[in-house]
Amino acid sequence: TARGLQNVEASSIVWRISAARRRMAIEPPPCVLLAAFGVLGNGAPRYMPRKVLLESPWFQFENLCKAAFRIFPAGDGSAEKNNSTIYMWMSQPPGLSFTFNVRLGDNIDLPAQLWQATTTRIRLDISWFELDAALRNQASDGDALEFSIRVLQWHGPEDDPEEWTPNNSASASLALEVLRGLGAGASWQRRERTERAEPEKRPQ
């Protein structure tokens, strides 16, 4: 519901990856880790990524669409060395732009990203060191790893980042109401920009 969208903390998707460490990584001897990553000690990974693909089911994302994820622990064909690749899909454009971040496990937070209102896919390359840190926090190879997407801020259906100032940004509930009435929201965007750019022309 529109009311639910107003609670940013509640706007999240959680994928529990069962037996994550066993499925995503191997634990080689130190000499292999040194050859692969060039470092040893506290700052070095304990595991090496498997060349596998993990794919989530579809999850409901608020009342906007469904979302799904893929993780390549060893990276896809375009990834740089020692990077992992994450793909995120929406079943249809969400219609609302929002800032989000990815959390690995309980406390590994990746930098915030922007999801545009018309976007249906995002690809992220992250350091394997980040995933390794999340896997090291697990008690056993059979533990599930929580992979979560957390909405940090809703912006509305605008495409122009300059519109996302506190004074200009619509609430999520208002944006959702506009989307229901106007489809993709283009008319709302034009109306809002016109009113702010030419306040002297507004009806008195």
Protein backbone atom coordinates (compact mmCIF):
# COMPACT_ATOMS: atom_id res chain seq x y z
CA THR A 1 0.00 0.00 0.00
CA ALA A 2 1.00 3.65 -0.28
CA ARG A 3 1.11 3.85 3.51
CA GLY A 4 3.64 1.01 3.63
CA LEU A 5 5.97 2.83 1.26
CA GLN A 6 6.35 5.69 3.71
CA ASN A 7 8.26 3.43 6.12
CA VAL A 8 11.71 3.41 4.56
CA GLU A 9 13.13 1.00 7.13
CA ALA A 10 10.51 -1.58 6.19
CA SER A 11 11.23 -1.31 2.46
CA SER A 12 13.64 -4.13 1.85
CA ILE A 13 14.06 -7.47 0.13
CA VAL A 14 15.91 -10.30 1.88
CA TRP A 15 17.28 -13.36 0.09
CA ARG A 16 18.54 -16.07 2.42
CA ILE A 17 21.22 -18.01 0.54
CA SER A 18 21.32 -21.46 2.11
CA ALA A 19 24.72 -23.07 2.77
CA ALA A 20 26.26 -19.95 1.27
CA ARG A 21 29.90 -20.59 2.14
CA ARG A 22 29.80 -24.14 0.80
CA ARG A 23 28.12 -23.01 -2.43
CA MET A 24 30.09 -19.83 -3.07
CA ALA A 25 33.64 -20.50 -1.92
CA ILE A 26 36.49 -22.93 -1.31
CA GLU A 27 39.16 -22.70 1.41
CA PRO A 28 42.56 -23.24 -0.23
CA PRO A 29 45.97 -23.33 1.49
CA PRO A 30 47.69 -19.96 2.23
CA CYS A 31 50.11 -20.30 -0.68
CA VAL A 32 47.20 -20.41 -3.12
CA LEU A 33 45.57 -17.37 -1.50
CA LEU A 34 48.85 -15.46 -1.70
CA ALA A 35 49.23 -16.26 -5.38
CA ALA A 36 45.64 -15.27 -6.12
CA PHE A 37 45.33 -12.09 -4.07
CA GLY A 38 48.90 -11.02 -3.34
CA VAL A 39 48.27 -10.58 0.38
CA LEU A 40 48.16 -12.68 3.53
CA GLY A 41 47.17 -11.96 7.11
CA ASN A 42 44.20 -10.14 8.59
CA GLY A 43 43.46 -8.11 5.45
CA ALA A 44 43.53 -11.10 3.10
CA PRO A 45 40.58 -13.28 2.08
CA ARG A 46 40.24 -16.67 3.70
CA TYR A 47 38.33 -18.15 0.77
CA MET A 48 38.43 -18.21 -3.01
CA PRO A 49 35.25 -17.77 -5.03
CA ARG A 50 33.73 -20.66 -6.90
CA LYS A 51 32.93 -20.16 -10.58
CA VAL A 52 29.23 -20.67 -10.09
CA LEU A 53 25.97 -18.79 -10.48
CA LEU A 54 23.47 -18.38 -7.64
CA GLU A 55 19.99 -17.24 -8.58
CA SER A 56 17.18 -16.14 -6.30
CA PRO A 57 13.44 -16.69 -6.69
CA TRP A 58 11.24 -13.68 -7.45
CA PHE A 59 10.41 -11.54 -4.43
CA GLN A 60 7.57 -9.06 -4.08
CA PHE A 61 8.89 -5.50 -3.85
CA GLU A 62 6.30 -3.40 -2.04
CA ASN A 63 3.26 -3.22 -4.36
CA LEU A 64 5.34 -1.98 -7.30
CA CYS A 65 6.78 -5.10 -8.96
CA LYS A 66 8.81 -8.25 -8.27
CA ALA A 67 12.59 -8.47 -7.94
CA ALA A 68 15.20 -11.19 -8.43
CA PHE A 69 18.97 -11.48 -8.07
CA ARG A 70 21.95 -13.33 -9.47
CA ILE A 71 25.39 -13.56 -7.90
CA PHE A 72 28.55 -14.66 -9.68
CA PRO A 73 31.06 -15.09 -6.80
CA ALA A 74 34.00 -15.24 -9.24
CA GLY A 75 32.55 -12.49 -11.43
CA ASP A 76 30.96 -12.69 -14.85
CA GLY A 77 32.80 -12.33 -18.16
CA SER A 78 33.09 -8.55 -17.79
CA ALA A 79 34.24 -8.44 -14.17
CA GLU A 80 37.69 -7.22 -13.19
CA LYS A 81 40.08 -9.54 -11.38
CA ASN A 82 39.03 -10.48 -7.83
CA ASN A 83 35.58 -8.97 -8.27
CA SER A 84 32.19 -10.59 -7.81
CA THR A 85 29.16 -9.61 -9.89
CA ILE A 86 25.61 -8.99 -8.73
CA TYR A 87 22.63 -8.59 -11.05
CA MET A 88 19.31 -7.23 -9.85
CA TRP A 89 16.11 -7.38 -11.93
CA MET A 90 12.68 -5.88 -11.60
CA SER A 91 9.79 -7.62 -13.35
CA GLN A 92 8.75 -4.21 -14.67
CA PRO A 93 9.95 -0.62 -14.14
CA PRO A 94 9.13 0.21 -10.51
CA GLY A 95 7.84 3.65 -11.47
CA LEU A 96 9.54 5.23 -8.43
CA SER A 97 13.19 6.22 -8.21
CA PHE A 98 14.93 5.33 -4.97
CA THR A 99 18.33 5.18 -3.33
CA PHE A 100 19.26 1.77 -1.93
CA ASN A 101 22.18 -0.24 -0.70
CA VAL A 102 23.10 -3.91 -0.62
CA ARG A 103 23.83 -5.58 2.73
CA LEU A 104 25.77 -8.84 2.91
CA GLY A 105 25.11 -10.77 6.08
CA ASP A 106 24.55 -8.78 9.24
CA ASN A 107 26.98 -5.90 8.86
CA ILE A 108 28.65 -5.62 5.43
CA ASP A 109 27.04 -2.60 3.78
CA LEU A 110 27.93 -1.70 0.19
CA PRO A 111 27.85 1.92 -1.07
CA ALA A 112 24.46 3.42 -1.86
CA GLN A 113 23.15 3.17 -5.42
CA LEU A 114 20.39 4.88 -7.35
CA TRP A 115 17.58 2.92 -9.00
CA GLN A 116 15.85 4.98 -11.66
CA ALA A 117 12.07 4.84 -12.02
CA THR A 118 12.31 3.36 -15.53
CA THR A 119 15.13 0.86 -14.86
CA THR A 120 14.57 -2.90 -14.84
CA ARG A 121 18.15 -4.18 -14.39
CA ILE A 122 21.28 -3.14 -12.51
CA ARG A 123 24.70 -4.80 -12.60
CA LEU A 124 27.18 -4.30 -9.76
CA ASP A 125 30.80 -5.36 -9.49
CA ILE A 126 31.98 -5.66 -5.90
CA SER A 127 35.28 -6.78 -4.43
CA TRP A 128 35.45 -10.45 -3.52
CA PHE A 129 36.97 -9.22 -0.25
CA GLU A 130 33.49 -7.92 0.69
CA LEU A 131 31.79 -11.26 0.10
CA ASP A 132 34.66 -13.08 1.78
CA ALA A 133 34.21 -10.93 4.90
CA ALA A 134 30.50 -11.76 5.01
CA LEU A 135 31.20 -15.49 4.61
CA ARG A 136 33.85 -15.43 7.35
CA ASN A 137 31.25 -14.11 9.77
CA GLN A 138 29.24 -17.33 9.41
CA ALA A 139 29.58 -19.97 12.09
CA SER A 140 29.57 -22.92 9.67
CA ASP A 141 29.54 -23.85 6.00
CA GLY A 142 25.85 -24.75 6.29
CA ASP A 143 24.70 -21.34 7.52
CA ALA A 144 22.52 -19.16 5.34
CA LEU A 145 23.80 -15.76 4.24
CA GLU A 146 21.31 -12.92 4.12
CA PHE A 147 21.59 -10.84 0.96
CA SER A 148 19.37 -7.81 1.30
CA ILE A 149 18.37 -4.73 -0.65
CA ARG A 150 17.38 -1.83 1.61
CA VAL A 151 15.66 1.32 0.41
CA LEU A 152 17.36 4.35 1.96
CA GLN A 153 15.20 7.04 0.36
CA TRP A 154 12.26 7.26 -2.04
CA HIS A 155 12.51 10.00 -4.66
CA GLY A 156 9.37 9.70 -6.79
CA PRO A 157 8.92 9.23 -10.53
CA GLU A 158 11.24 12.10 -11.61
CA ASP A 159 14.18 11.34 -13.86
CA ASP A 160 16.13 14.53 -13.04
CA PRO A 161 18.39 14.19 -9.94
CA GLU A 162 18.10 17.96 -9.39
CA GLU A 163 14.47 17.34 -8.51
CA TRP A 164 15.47 15.22 -5.49
CA THR A 165 16.14 18.02 -3.00
CA PRO A 166 14.23 17.92 0.29
CA ASN A 167 12.08 20.87 -0.80
CA ASN A 168 11.19 19.36 -4.16
CA SER A 169 10.97 15.61 -3.62
CA ALA A 170 7.47 14.16 -3.37
CA SER A 171 6.62 11.68 -0.67
CA ALA A 172 6.43 8.05 -1.75
CA SER A 173 2.71 7.95 -1.04
CA LEU A 174 2.04 10.99 -3.21
CA ALA A 175 4.24 9.65 -5.99
CA LEU A 176 2.43 6.33 -5.91
CA GLU A 177 -0.95 8.05 -6.10
CA VAL A 178 0.25 10.07 -9.07
CA LEU A 179 1.57 6.94 -10.77
CA ARG A 180 -1.78 5.24 -10.37
CA GLY A 181 -3.50 8.20 -11.97
CA LEU A 182 -0.96 9.09 -14.63
CA GLY A 183 0.77 5.86 -15.55
CA ALA A 184 4.49 6.50 -15.98
CA GLY A 185 4.34 9.86 -14.23
CA ALA A 186 5.55 12.03 -17.11
CA SER A 187 2.60 14.41 -16.80
CA TRP A 188 3.23 14.81 -13.08
CA GLN A 189 6.88 15.58 -13.75
CA ARG A 190 6.08 18.26 -16.35
CA ARG A 191 3.43 19.82 -14.11
CA GLU A 192 5.69 20.00 -11.06
CA ARG A 193 8.58 21.51 -13.01
CA THR A 194 6.33 24.12 -14.59
CA GLU A 195 4.88 25.15 -11.25
CA ARG A 196 8.29 25.53 -9.65
CA ALA A 197 9.89 27.29 -12.62
CA GLU A 198 7.03 29.77 -13.15
CA PRO A 199 5.36 30.44 -9.79
CA GLU A 200 4.04 33.81 -10.98
CA LYS A 201 1.83 32.04 -13.53
CA ARG A 202 0.01 29.88 -10.99
CA PRO A 203 -3.70 30.59 -10.55
CA GLN A 204 -4.40 32.86 -7.58
